[in-house]
Amino acid sequence: MRVMLAEDSTLLREGLVRLLAEEGHEVVAAVGNAEALLAAVAEDPPDVVVADVRMPPTHTDEGLRAALEIRERRPAVGVLVLSQYVEKRYATELLTGDSEGVGYLLKDRVVQVDEFLDALERVAAGRAAFDPEVVRQLLGRTTHTDPLARLTARERAVLAEMAQGHTNAAIARRLHISLSGVEKHINAIFDKLELTGGEGYSRRVLAVLRYLGS
């Protein structure tokens, strides 16, 4: 796949470039700030972008805001956010939009090379890849009204797998249940959270993030 990297740590950026090249991927640009990333994407859109959250000049949320802009302007480009922490406001905005081709991993995940590469490939293929810790922290914002209280333990387990971007077949393998069982649990989750089908919305993502604040 064709990948663009935006990471202000030279050491990490060059390490990712080498890792991806060794795996047979083409790194078409590797930059150190959000402005350069947006310019590179505009000139030659890649299959997927890997972006840090904190980058120059303020080192706050430039990378995540750039990711949102890329998603808005070029929805065909996958976006994988790679960060040391969860920036809740913009993360919620990113994940509650069109969930196709979106991911959010914490940097500790890079240590697990296979997990990182799998997440990158899923995002590039138009699927989702959410770190469980990201989902946990975002769900922590719903403590005043817990929409998940009505779910059974098994439904919560299925929902946690859905939140990480796994397909029904993958959930069945990971939880050692049948595919029809997974489908039954997912339908129950939608019913209990009162999620009806709507054009332009993914019930799989809304099942996790619907009650999060902006």
Foldseek 3Di string as FASTA:
>chain_A
DEEEEEAQPPVVQVVVCVLCVVVPYHDPYYYHFLVVVLVVCVVPNTLEYEWEQAGPDVGHGRRLVSVVVCCVPPVNYAYEYEYQDAPQPSVLVQLFAQQWLYEYYYNVCVVVVVLVVVQNVRSSVGFYAYDLVNLVVQQVQCVVPRLCPPADPVLVLLLSCLQRGDDLVVSCVVVVHDSVVSVVSVVVLCVSSVPDDDPRGDVSSCSRRVPGDD
